[in-house]
Amino acid sequence: IDKIVIKTSDSLIFDIQLNAKVCFDKLQMITARKTLGTGEAAMATSALGFGCMGITAFYGDPMPDDQAIDLLKRAASLGVTHWDTAEVYQAKNSSDGSSIYNETVVGKAIAAVGRDKIHIASKYQPFLHGNELTPELAINAAKASCKRLGVETIDLYYAHRFAANTPVEEQARAMNAVKSAGLSRY
């Protein structure tokens, strides 16, 4: 393709000339890999990540599962394999009032794409846990996230926000406890 014409109304037409270098540069950007961290803490993943929040939360009605799964499958096919979600990304089901967890929908996409092809990041939200972050709370939350995601281990698990009622040193111990329990790689 060397030219795309987009007609937005009878009087407005955009003519976009594509050149091979621009297309190649964009493709390289999408498929590029990046290493986050160093040493044992290094995680090689896609340079571009996909923030999954809008699939279920905060931007209108949740996407239907099949559309969300197709979207994430497409992202993976383009090399965007670092997906970010969180326990707090949820909406209420308008028909029965139950919670629709983003992690559940993302888990269905992980199953469709293959766990070995995706790096998943998820987050602990202190305000869901009394604004505290202890090892026990973090481990229980990570277990619940793993269950919703349909995985044994989350690649990157971290605190969404600072837990105001817990000293920062305890928060660090809590995140380390999740890793020590085998629920996260990083």
N, C-alpha and C. Protein backbone atom coordinates (compact mmCIF):
# COMPACT_ATOMS: atom_id res chain seq x y z
N ILE A 1 0.86 -1.18 0.00
CA ILE A 1 0.00 0.00 0.00
C ILE A 1 0.90 1.22 0.00
N ASP A 2 0.67 2.11 -0.97
CA ASP A 2 1.46 3.33 -0.98
C ASP A 2 0.60 4.57 -0.81
N LYS A 3 -0.73 4.40 -0.78
CA LYS A 3 -1.61 5.54 -0.60
C LYS A 3 -2.91 5.10 0.06
N ILE A 4 -3.36 5.86 1.05
CA ILE A 4 -4.64 5.60 1.69
C ILE A 4 -5.47 6.87 1.59
N VAL A 5 -6.71 6.74 1.19
CA VAL A 5 -7.63 7.88 1.14
C VAL A 5 -8.72 7.63 2.18
N ILE A 6 -8.91 8.58 3.08
CA ILE A 6 -9.94 8.48 4.11
C ILE A 6 -10.94 9.59 3.87
N LYS A 7 -12.18 9.22 3.65
CA LYS A 7 -13.24 10.20 3.43
C LYS A 7 -14.04 10.34 4.71
N THR A 8 -14.00 11.51 5.32
CA THR A 8 -14.70 11.73 6.58
C THR A 8 -16.02 12.46 6.39
N SER A 9 -16.18 13.13 5.28
CA SER A 9 -17.45 13.76 4.93
C SER A 9 -17.38 14.04 3.43
N ASP A 10 -18.45 14.56 2.85
CA ASP A 10 -18.44 14.83 1.42
C ASP A 10 -17.38 15.84 1.02
N SER A 11 -17.03 16.75 1.93
CA SER A 11 -16.11 17.82 1.55
C SER A 11 -14.70 17.64 2.10
N LEU A 12 -14.49 16.65 2.96
CA LEU A 12 -13.18 16.52 3.60
C LEU A 12 -12.60 15.15 3.30
N ILE A 13 -11.51 15.14 2.57
CA ILE A 13 -10.83 13.90 2.24
C ILE A 13 -9.37 14.04 2.64
N PHE A 14 -8.87 13.04 3.39
CA PHE A 14 -7.46 13.00 3.76
C PHE A 14 -6.74 12.07 2.80
N ASP A 15 -5.67 12.52 2.26
CA ASP A 15 -4.81 11.73 1.41
C ASP A 15 -3.54 11.45 2.19
N ILE A 16 -3.27 10.22 2.46
CA ILE A 16 -2.07 9.88 3.21
C ILE A 16 -1.14 9.10 2.30
N GLN A 17 0.04 9.65 2.09
CA GLN A 17 1.06 8.96 1.32
C GLN A 17 1.94 8.20 2.29
N LEU A 18 2.07 6.93 2.08
CA LEU A 18 2.92 6.12 2.94
C LEU A 18 4.21 5.80 2.21
N ASN A 19 5.32 5.90 2.91
CA ASN A 19 6.54 5.42 2.28
C ASN A 19 7.04 4.22 3.05
N ALA A 20 7.79 3.39 2.42
CA ALA A 20 8.22 2.12 2.99
C ALA A 20 9.02 2.32 4.28
N LYS A 21 9.84 3.35 4.35
CA LYS A 21 10.66 3.56 5.55
C LYS A 21 9.80 3.86 6.76
N VAL A 22 8.80 4.71 6.62
CA VAL A 22 7.92 5.05 7.74
C VAL A 22 7.19 3.79 8.21
N CYS A 23 6.67 3.00 7.29
CA CYS A 23 5.97 1.77 7.66
C CYS A 23 6.91 0.81 8.38
N PHE A 24 8.11 0.66 7.86
CA PHE A 24 9.09 -0.23 8.47
C PHE A 24 9.47 0.25 9.87
N ASP A 25 9.68 1.57 10.01
CA ASP A 25 10.02 2.12 11.33
C ASP A 25 8.90 1.87 12.33
N LYS A 26 7.66 2.04 11.93
CA LYS A 26 6.53 1.79 12.83
C LYS A 26 6.47 0.31 13.20
N LEU A 27 6.67 -0.57 12.24
CA LEU A 27 6.65 -1.99 12.51
C LEU A 27 7.77 -2.38 13.47
N GLN A 28 8.96 -1.80 13.28
CA GLN A 28 10.07 -2.09 14.19
C GLN A 28 9.75 -1.62 15.60
N MET A 29 9.09 -0.47 15.71
CA MET A 29 8.74 0.05 17.03
C MET A 29 7.79 -0.90 17.75
N ILE A 30 6.82 -1.44 17.02
CA ILE A 30 5.85 -2.34 17.62
C ILE A 30 6.50 -3.65 18.04
N THR A 31 7.38 -4.19 17.21
CA THR A 31 7.96 -5.50 17.49
C THR A 31 9.24 -5.44 18.32
N ALA A 32 9.70 -4.25 18.67
CA ALA A 32 10.94 -4.11 19.44
C ALA A 32 10.79 -4.74 20.82
N ARG A 33 11.90 -5.19 21.36
CA ARG A 33 11.95 -5.77 22.69
C ARG A 33 12.72 -4.82 23.61
N LYS A 34 12.43 -4.89 24.89
CA LYS A 34 13.10 -4.05 25.86
C LYS A 34 13.35 -4.87 27.12
N THR A 35 14.48 -4.61 27.75
CA THR A 35 14.78 -5.27 29.02
C THR A 35 14.56 -4.27 30.14
N LEU A 36 13.67 -4.62 31.04
CA LEU A 36 13.37 -3.79 32.20
C LEU A 36 14.16 -4.34 33.38
N GLY A 37 14.92 -3.50 34.05
CA GLY A 37 15.71 -3.94 35.18
C GLY A 37 17.05 -4.52 34.75
N THR A 38 17.81 -5.00 35.74
CA THR A 38 19.12 -5.58 35.47
C THR A 38 19.31 -6.84 36.30
N GLY A 39 20.30 -7.61 35.93
CA GLY A 39 20.65 -8.81 36.68
C GLY A 39 19.48 -9.77 36.80
N GLU A 40 19.32 -10.35 38.01
CA GLU A 40 18.23 -11.29 38.24
C GLU A 40 16.85 -10.65 38.11
N ALA A 41 16.81 -9.34 38.26
CA ALA A 41 15.54 -8.61 38.18
C ALA A 41 15.21 -8.18 36.76
N ALA A 42 16.02 -8.57 35.77
CA ALA A 42 15.79 -8.15 34.39
C ALA A 42 14.65 -8.95 33.76
N MET A 43 13.75 -8.24 33.12
CA MET A 43 12.65 -8.88 32.40
C MET A 43 12.65 -8.36 30.97
N ALA A 44 12.86 -9.25 30.02
CA ALA A 44 12.80 -8.88 28.61
C ALA A 44 11.36 -9.01 28.15
N THR A 45 10.84 -7.95 27.55
CA THR A 45 9.45 -7.93 27.13
C THR A 45 9.30 -7.02 25.91
N SER A 46 8.09 -6.87 25.42
CA SER A 46 7.88 -5.98 24.28
C SER A 46 8.10 -4.53 24.73
N ALA A 47 8.67 -3.74 23.82
CA ALA A 47 8.93 -2.33 24.14
C ALA A 47 7.62 -1.56 24.34
N LEU A 48 6.58 -1.97 23.63
CA LEU A 48 5.27 -1.37 23.82
C LEU A 48 4.43 -2.29 24.68
N GLY A 49 3.73 -1.72 25.63
CA GLY A 49 2.83 -2.48 26.47
C GLY A 49 1.39 -2.13 26.13
N PHE A 50 0.48 -2.97 26.58
CA PHE A 50 -0.94 -2.73 26.36
C PHE A 50 -1.60 -2.54 27.72
N GLY A 51 -2.06 -1.35 27.99
CA GLY A 51 -2.80 -1.07 29.22
C GLY A 51 -4.23 -1.53 29.05
N CYS A 52 -4.63 -2.52 29.82
CA CYS A 52 -5.92 -3.17 29.64
C CYS A 52 -7.08 -2.50 30.39
N MET A 53 -6.83 -1.46 31.16
CA MET A 53 -7.84 -0.86 32.00
C MET A 53 -9.14 -0.54 31.25
N GLY A 54 -9.04 0.08 30.10
CA GLY A 54 -10.21 0.54 29.37
C GLY A 54 -11.11 -0.56 28.85
N ILE A 55 -10.63 -1.80 28.88
CA ILE A 55 -11.46 -2.91 28.42
C ILE A 55 -12.70 -3.06 29.29
N THR A 56 -12.53 -2.87 30.60
CA THR A 56 -13.67 -3.06 31.50
C THR A 56 -13.99 -1.85 32.37
N ALA A 57 -13.06 -0.95 32.55
CA ALA A 57 -13.26 0.04 33.60
C ALA A 57 -13.05 1.48 33.14
N PHE A 58 -13.86 2.36 33.69
CA PHE A 58 -13.64 3.81 33.71
C PHE A 58 -13.90 4.55 32.40
N TYR A 59 -14.11 3.87 31.30
CA TYR A 59 -14.33 4.56 30.02
C TYR A 59 -15.63 4.10 29.37
N GLY A 60 -16.71 4.16 30.11
CA GLY A 60 -17.99 3.73 29.57
C GLY A 60 -18.25 2.26 29.87
N ASP A 61 -19.12 1.67 29.09
CA ASP A 61 -19.48 0.27 29.30
C ASP A 61 -18.29 -0.64 28.99
N PRO A 62 -18.19 -1.75 29.72
CA PRO A 62 -17.12 -2.71 29.41
C PRO A 62 -17.27 -3.25 27.99
N MET A 63 -16.14 -3.56 27.37
CA MET A 63 -16.18 -4.19 26.06
C MET A 63 -16.75 -5.60 26.21
N PRO A 64 -17.48 -6.07 25.22
CA PRO A 64 -17.87 -7.49 25.26
C PRO A 64 -16.61 -8.36 25.25
N ASP A 65 -16.65 -9.46 25.98
CA ASP A 65 -15.47 -10.32 26.11
C ASP A 65 -14.87 -10.71 24.77
N ASP A 66 -15.71 -11.11 23.82
CA ASP A 66 -15.17 -11.56 22.53
C ASP A 66 -14.41 -10.45 21.82
N GLN A 67 -14.88 -9.21 21.91
CA GLN A 67 -14.17 -8.10 21.29
C GLN A 67 -12.86 -7.80 22.02
N ALA A 68 -12.89 -7.86 23.33
CA ALA A 68 -11.67 -7.62 24.12
C ALA A 68 -10.63 -8.69 23.82
N ILE A 69 -11.06 -9.92 23.74
CA ILE A 69 -10.13 -11.01 23.43
C ILE A 69 -9.54 -10.83 22.04
N ASP A 70 -10.38 -10.49 21.07
CA ASP A 70 -9.88 -10.24 19.71
C ASP A 70 -8.87 -9.09 19.69
N LEU A 71 -9.15 -8.03 20.45
CA LEU A 71 -8.24 -6.90 20.52
C LEU A 71 -6.88 -7.32 21.09
N LEU A 72 -6.90 -8.06 22.18
CA LEU A 72 -5.64 -8.50 22.79
C LEU A 72 -4.91 -9.52 21.92
N LYS A 73 -5.65 -10.36 21.23
CA LYS A 73 -5.01 -11.30 20.29
C LYS A 73 -4.32 -10.53 19.17
N ARG A 74 -4.96 -9.47 18.70
CA ARG A 74 -4.36 -8.64 17.65
C ARG A 74 -3.10 -7.95 18.16
N ALA A 75 -3.17 -7.41 19.37
CA ALA A 75 -1.99 -6.77 19.96
C ALA A 75 -0.84 -7.77 20.02
N ALA A 76 -1.12 -8.98 20.49
CA ALA A 76 -0.07 -10.00 20.58
C ALA A 76 0.49 -10.35 19.21
N SER A 77 -0.39 -10.42 18.20
CA SER A 77 0.08 -10.76 16.85
C SER A 77 0.99 -9.68 16.28
N LEU A 78 0.85 -8.46 16.78
CA LEU A 78 1.71 -7.35 16.36
C LEU A 78 2.97 -7.22 17.22
N GLY A 79 3.11 -8.10 18.20
CA GLY A 79 4.30 -8.08 19.05
C GLY A 79 4.14 -7.33 20.35
N VAL A 80 2.94 -6.85 20.65
CA VAL A 80 2.71 -6.15 21.91
C VAL A 80 2.28 -7.21 22.92
N THR A 81 3.25 -7.70 23.68
CA THR A 81 3.02 -8.86 24.54
C THR A 81 3.18 -8.55 26.02
N HIS A 82 3.34 -7.29 26.38
CA HIS A 82 3.39 -6.88 27.78
C HIS A 82 2.03 -6.24 28.09
N TRP A 83 1.21 -6.97 28.84
CA TRP A 83 -0.14 -6.51 29.14
C TRP A 83 -0.23 -6.13 30.61
N ASP A 84 -0.84 -4.98 30.87
CA ASP A 84 -0.95 -4.46 32.23
C ASP A 84 -2.41 -4.42 32.66
N THR A 85 -2.69 -4.96 33.83
CA THR A 85 -4.03 -4.97 34.39
C THR A 85 -3.92 -4.72 35.90
N ALA A 86 -5.02 -4.80 36.60
CA ALA A 86 -5.01 -4.60 38.06
C ALA A 86 -6.30 -5.13 38.66
N GLU A 87 -6.22 -5.48 39.95
CA GLU A 87 -7.41 -5.97 40.64
C GLU A 87 -8.51 -4.91 40.71
N VAL A 88 -8.13 -3.66 40.67
CA VAL A 88 -9.11 -2.57 40.80
C VAL A 88 -9.83 -2.27 39.49
N TYR A 89 -9.34 -2.77 38.38
CA TYR A 89 -10.00 -2.51 37.10
C TYR A 89 -11.21 -3.43 36.98
N GLN A 90 -12.33 -2.91 37.38
CA GLN A 90 -13.56 -3.69 37.36
C GLN A 90 -14.76 -2.79 37.16
N ALA A 91 -15.83 -3.40 36.73
CA ALA A 91 -17.09 -2.68 36.52
C ALA A 91 -18.22 -3.55 37.05
N LYS A 92 -19.37 -2.96 37.21
CA LYS A 92 -20.55 -3.71 37.64
C LYS A 92 -21.31 -4.18 36.42
N ASN A 93 -21.72 -5.42 36.45
CA ASN A 93 -22.55 -5.98 35.40
C ASN A 93 -23.94 -5.35 35.52
N SER A 94 -24.39 -4.71 34.46
CA SER A 94 -25.67 -3.99 34.51
C SER A 94 -26.86 -4.93 34.68
N SER A 95 -26.73 -6.18 34.33
CA SER A 95 -27.87 -7.09 34.44
C SER A 95 -28.04 -7.69 35.84
N ASP A 96 -26.92 -7.96 36.54
CA ASP A 96 -27.07 -8.59 37.85
C ASP A 96 -26.26 -7.93 38.98
N GLY A 97 -25.51 -6.88 38.67
CA GLY A 97 -24.75 -6.16 39.68
C GLY A 97 -23.45 -6.82 40.11
N SER A 98 -23.12 -7.96 39.51
CA SER A 98 -21.87 -8.64 39.86
C SER A 98 -20.68 -7.85 39.30
N SER A 99 -19.51 -8.14 39.81
CA SER A 99 -18.29 -7.47 39.34
C SER A 99 -17.77 -8.14 38.08
N ILE A 100 -17.37 -7.31 37.14
CA ILE A 100 -16.67 -7.78 35.94
C ILE A 100 -15.22 -7.37 36.12
N TYR A 101 -14.37 -8.35 36.38
CA TYR A 101 -12.96 -8.06 36.61
C TYR A 101 -12.19 -8.04 35.29
N ASN A 102 -11.41 -7.01 35.11
CA ASN A 102 -10.54 -6.90 33.95
C ASN A 102 -9.62 -8.12 33.87
N GLU A 103 -9.11 -8.54 35.02
CA GLU A 103 -8.19 -9.69 35.03
C GLU A 103 -8.86 -10.94 34.47
N THR A 104 -10.14 -11.11 34.66
CA THR A 104 -10.85 -12.28 34.14
C THR A 104 -10.88 -12.25 32.62
N VAL A 105 -11.19 -11.10 32.06
CA VAL A 105 -11.24 -10.95 30.61
C VAL A 105 -9.83 -11.11 30.02
N VAL A 106 -8.85 -10.49 30.65
CA VAL A 106 -7.46 -10.62 30.20
C VAL A 106 -7.03 -12.08 30.28
N GLY A 107 -7.45 -12.78 31.32
CA GLY A 107 -7.14 -14.20 31.45
C GLY A 107 -7.67 -15.03 30.29
N LYS A 108 -8.86 -14.69 29.81
CA LYS A 108 -9.41 -15.40 28.65
C LYS A 108 -8.55 -15.16 27.42
N ALA A 109 -8.03 -13.94 27.28
CA ALA A 109 -7.15 -13.63 26.13
C ALA A 109 -5.82 -14.35 26.28
N ILE A 110 -5.29 -14.42 27.50
CA ILE A 110 -4.04 -15.15 27.73
C ILE A 110 -4.23 -16.61 27.32
N ALA A 111 -5.34 -17.20 27.69
CA ALA A 111 -5.61 -18.60 27.31
C ALA A 111 -5.68 -18.75 25.80
N ALA A 112 -6.25 -17.75 25.11
CA ALA A 112 -6.38 -17.82 23.66
C ALA A 112 -5.03 -17.65 22.95
N VAL A 113 -4.17 -16.80 23.50
CA VAL A 113 -2.87 -16.51 22.87
C VAL A 113 -1.81 -17.51 23.29
N GLY A 114 -1.86 -17.93 24.54
CA GLY A 114 -0.84 -18.83 25.09
C GLY A 114 -0.03 -18.11 26.15
N ARG A 115 0.02 -18.68 27.33
CA ARG A 115 0.70 -18.03 28.46
C ARG A 115 2.16 -17.74 28.17
N ASP A 116 2.82 -18.62 27.45
CA ASP A 116 4.24 -18.45 27.16
C ASP A 116 4.54 -17.28 26.22
N LYS A 117 3.51 -16.70 25.63
CA LYS A 117 3.71 -15.59 24.68
C LYS A 117 3.45 -14.22 25.30
N ILE A 118 2.99 -14.19 26.55
CA ILE A 118 2.55 -12.93 27.16
C ILE A 118 3.32 -12.67 28.45
N HIS A 119 3.67 -11.41 28.68
CA HIS A 119 4.17 -10.95 29.97
C HIS A 119 3.03 -10.16 30.61
N ILE A 120 2.61 -10.63 31.77
CA ILE A 120 1.47 -10.00 32.42
C ILE A 120 1.92 -9.23 33.66
N ALA A 121 1.45 -8.00 33.75
CA ALA A 121 1.68 -7.17 34.94
C ALA A 121 0.32 -6.93 35.59
N SER A 122 0.28 -7.05 36.90
CA SER A 122 -0.94 -6.72 37.62
C SER A 122 -0.56 -6.01 38.91
N LYS A 123 -1.55 -5.36 39.49
CA LYS A 123 -1.26 -4.47 40.60
C LYS A 123 -2.18 -4.70 41.79
N TYR A 124 -1.61 -4.52 42.96
CA TYR A 124 -2.31 -4.54 44.24
C TYR A 124 -2.81 -3.12 44.51
N GLN A 125 -4.08 -2.98 44.85
CA GLN A 125 -4.64 -1.66 45.13
C GLN A 125 -4.92 -1.54 46.62
N PRO A 126 -4.09 -0.76 47.35
CA PRO A 126 -4.26 -0.67 48.81
C PRO A 126 -5.65 -0.27 49.28
N PHE A 127 -6.33 0.64 48.58
CA PHE A 127 -7.62 1.08 49.10
C PHE A 127 -8.67 -0.03 49.10
N LEU A 128 -8.42 -1.11 48.36
CA LEU A 128 -9.32 -2.26 48.42
C LEU A 128 -9.05 -3.12 49.66
N HIS A 129 -7.96 -2.80 50.36
CA HIS A 129 -7.51 -3.61 51.50
C HIS A 129 -7.26 -2.74 52.73
N GLY A 130 -8.15 -1.79 52.98
CA GLY A 130 -8.05 -0.94 54.16
C GLY A 130 -6.86 0.00 54.15
N ASN A 131 -6.36 0.32 52.96
CA ASN A 131 -5.19 1.18 52.79
C ASN A 131 -3.96 0.61 53.47
N GLU A 132 -3.91 -0.72 53.51
CA GLU A 132 -2.77 -1.43 54.09
C GLU A 132 -2.14 -2.33 53.05
N LEU A 133 -0.88 -2.65 53.27
CA LEU A 133 -0.16 -3.57 52.39
C LEU A 133 0.79 -4.39 53.25
N THR A 134 0.30 -5.56 53.64
CA THR A 134 1.09 -6.48 54.46
C THR A 134 1.37 -7.73 53.63
N PRO A 135 2.34 -8.55 54.04
CA PRO A 135 2.60 -9.78 53.29
C PRO A 135 1.35 -10.65 53.12
N GLU A 136 0.58 -10.82 54.19
CA GLU A 136 -0.61 -11.65 54.10
C GLU A 136 -1.64 -11.08 53.11
N LEU A 137 -1.89 -9.78 53.19
CA LEU A 137 -2.83 -9.15 52.27
C LEU A 137 -2.34 -9.25 50.83
N ALA A 138 -1.06 -8.99 50.62
CA ALA A 138 -0.50 -9.02 49.26
C ALA A 138 -0.55 -10.43 48.68
N ILE A 139 -0.19 -11.42 49.47
CA ILE A 139 -0.23 -12.81 48.99
C ILE A 139 -1.65 -13.22 48.63
N ASN A 140 -2.61 -12.89 49.50
CA ASN A 140 -4.01 -13.24 49.21
C ASN A 140 -4.52 -12.53 47.96
N ALA A 141 -4.16 -11.26 47.79
CA ALA A 141 -4.59 -10.51 46.61
C ALA A 141 -3.94 -11.08 45.35
N ALA A 142 -2.66 -11.43 45.43
CA ALA A 142 -1.96 -12.00 44.28
C ALA A 142 -2.56 -13.36 43.90
N LYS A 143 -2.91 -14.17 44.89
CA LYS A 143 -3.56 -15.45 44.61
C LYS A 143 -4.88 -15.23 43.88
N ALA A 144 -5.67 -14.25 44.33
CA ALA A 144 -6.94 -13.94 43.68
C ALA A 144 -6.72 -13.45 42.25
N SER A 145 -5.69 -12.62 42.05
CA SER A 145 -5.37 -12.14 40.70
C SER A 145 -4.96 -13.30 39.81
N CYS A 146 -4.10 -14.18 40.31
CA CYS A 146 -3.67 -15.34 39.53
C CYS A 146 -4.88 -16.19 39.12
N LYS A 147 -5.79 -16.38 40.05
CA LYS A 147 -6.99 -17.18 39.75
C LYS A 147 -7.82 -16.52 38.65
N ARG A 148 -8.05 -15.20 38.77
CA ARG A 148 -8.83 -14.49 37.74
C ARG A 148 -8.12 -14.52 36.39
N LEU A 149 -6.79 -14.40 36.41
CA LEU A 149 -6.01 -14.41 35.17
C LEU A 149 -5.83 -15.81 34.59
N GLY A 150 -6.08 -16.83 35.40
CA GLY A 150 -5.90 -18.20 34.94
C GLY A 150 -4.43 -18.57 34.79
N VAL A 151 -3.59 -18.01 35.65
CA VAL A 151 -2.15 -18.27 35.60
C VAL A 151 -1.66 -18.69 36.98
N GLU A 152 -0.51 -19.34 37.00
CA GLU A 152 0.09 -19.71 38.29
C GLU A 152 0.96 -18.58 38.83
N THR A 153 1.54 -17.80 37.91
CA THR A 153 2.48 -16.75 38.29
C THR A 153 2.23 -15.52 37.44
N ILE A 154 2.24 -14.36 38.07
CA ILE A 154 2.17 -13.07 37.37
C ILE A 154 3.62 -12.64 37.13
N ASP A 155 3.91 -12.14 35.94
CA ASP A 155 5.30 -11.76 35.66
C ASP A 155 5.74 -10.58 36.52
N LEU A 156 4.95 -9.53 36.57
CA LEU A 156 5.31 -8.33 37.31
C LEU A 156 4.13 -7.94 38.19
N TYR A 157 4.31 -7.98 39.49
CA TYR A 157 3.25 -7.64 40.44
C TYR A 157 3.76 -6.51 41.32
N TYR A 158 2.99 -5.45 41.40
CA TYR A 158 3.45 -4.30 42.17
C TYR A 158 2.27 -3.53 42.75
N ALA A 159 2.59 -2.59 43.63
CA ALA A 159 1.56 -1.79 44.28
C ALA A 159 1.09 -0.68 43.35
N HIS A 160 -0.21 -0.58 43.22
CA HIS A 160 -0.83 0.45 42.37
C HIS A 160 -0.61 1.84 42.96
N ARG A 161 -0.69 1.93 44.25
CA ARG A 161 -0.54 3.18 44.98
C ARG A 161 0.18 2.90 46.29
N PHE A 162 0.68 3.93 46.91
CA PHE A 162 1.28 3.84 48.24
C PHE A 162 0.18 3.53 49.25
N ALA A 163 0.44 2.61 50.15
CA ALA A 163 -0.52 2.26 51.21
C ALA A 163 -0.27 3.16 52.41
N ALA A 164 -1.13 4.13 52.61
CA ALA A 164 -0.91 5.17 53.61
C ALA A 164 -0.81 4.64 55.05
N ASN A 165 -1.45 3.50 55.32
CA ASN A 165 -1.46 2.97 56.68
C ASN A 165 -0.37 1.94 56.96
N THR A 166 0.57 1.80 56.04
CA THR A 166 1.63 0.80 56.20
C THR A 166 2.98 1.44 55.93
N PRO A 167 3.95 1.28 56.83
CA PRO A 167 5.30 1.82 56.58
C PRO A 167 5.86 1.26 55.27
N VAL A 168 6.62 2.07 54.58
CA VAL A 168 7.13 1.69 53.27
C VAL A 168 7.99 0.42 53.33
N GLU A 169 8.72 0.23 54.41
CA GLU A 169 9.54 -0.98 54.55
C GLU A 169 8.67 -2.24 54.58
N GLU A 170 7.53 -2.14 55.24
CA GLU A 170 6.59 -3.27 55.30
C GLU A 170 5.98 -3.52 53.92
N GLN A 171 5.74 -2.46 53.17
CA GLN A 171 5.22 -2.62 51.82
C GLN A 171 6.22 -3.36 50.94
N ALA A 172 7.50 -3.02 51.08
CA ALA A 172 8.54 -3.71 50.32
C ALA A 172 8.59 -5.19 50.71
N ARG A 173 8.48 -5.47 52.00
CA ARG A 173 8.46 -6.87 52.46
C ARG A 173 7.24 -7.61 51.89
N ALA A 174 6.13 -6.92 51.81
CA ALA A 174 4.91 -7.54 51.29
C ALA A 174 5.07 -7.93 49.81
N MET A 175 5.64 -7.05 49.03
CA MET A 175 5.85 -7.37 47.61
C MET A 175 6.87 -8.50 47.46
N ASN A 176 7.89 -8.50 48.30
CA ASN A 176 8.88 -9.57 48.27
C ASN A 176 8.25 -10.90 48.68
N ALA A 177 7.30 -10.86 49.61
CA ALA A 177 6.61 -12.08 50.04
C ALA A 177 5.83 -12.70 48.88
N VAL A 178 5.24 -11.87 48.04
CA VAL A 178 4.51 -12.37 46.86
C VAL A 178 5.47 -13.10 45.94
N LYS A 179 6.62 -12.52 45.72
CA LYS A 179 7.64 -13.17 44.87
C LYS A 179 8.13 -14.45 45.53
N SER A 180 8.43 -14.41 46.81
CA SER A 180 8.91 -15.60 47.53
C SER A 180 7.88 -16.72 47.52
N ALA A 181 6.60 -16.37 47.50
CA ALA A 181 5.53 -17.38 47.46
C ALA A 181 5.35 -17.97 46.06
N GLY A 182 6.12 -17.47 45.09
CA GLY A 182 6.04 -17.98 43.73
C GLY A 182 4.86 -17.46 42.93
N LEU A 183 4.25 -16.38 43.41
CA LEU A 183 3.09 -15.81 42.73
C LEU A 183 3.46 -14.73 41.73
N SER A 184 4.71 -14.24 41.78
CA SER A 184 5.19 -13.28 40.78
C SER A 184 6.66 -13.55 40.50
N ARG A 185 7.06 -13.22 39.30
CA ARG A 185 8.46 -13.38 38.93
C ARG A 185 9.26 -12.15 39.33
N TYR A 186 8.62 -10.98 39.28
CA TYR A 186 9.30 -9.72 39.58
C TYR A 186 8.44 -8.87 40.50
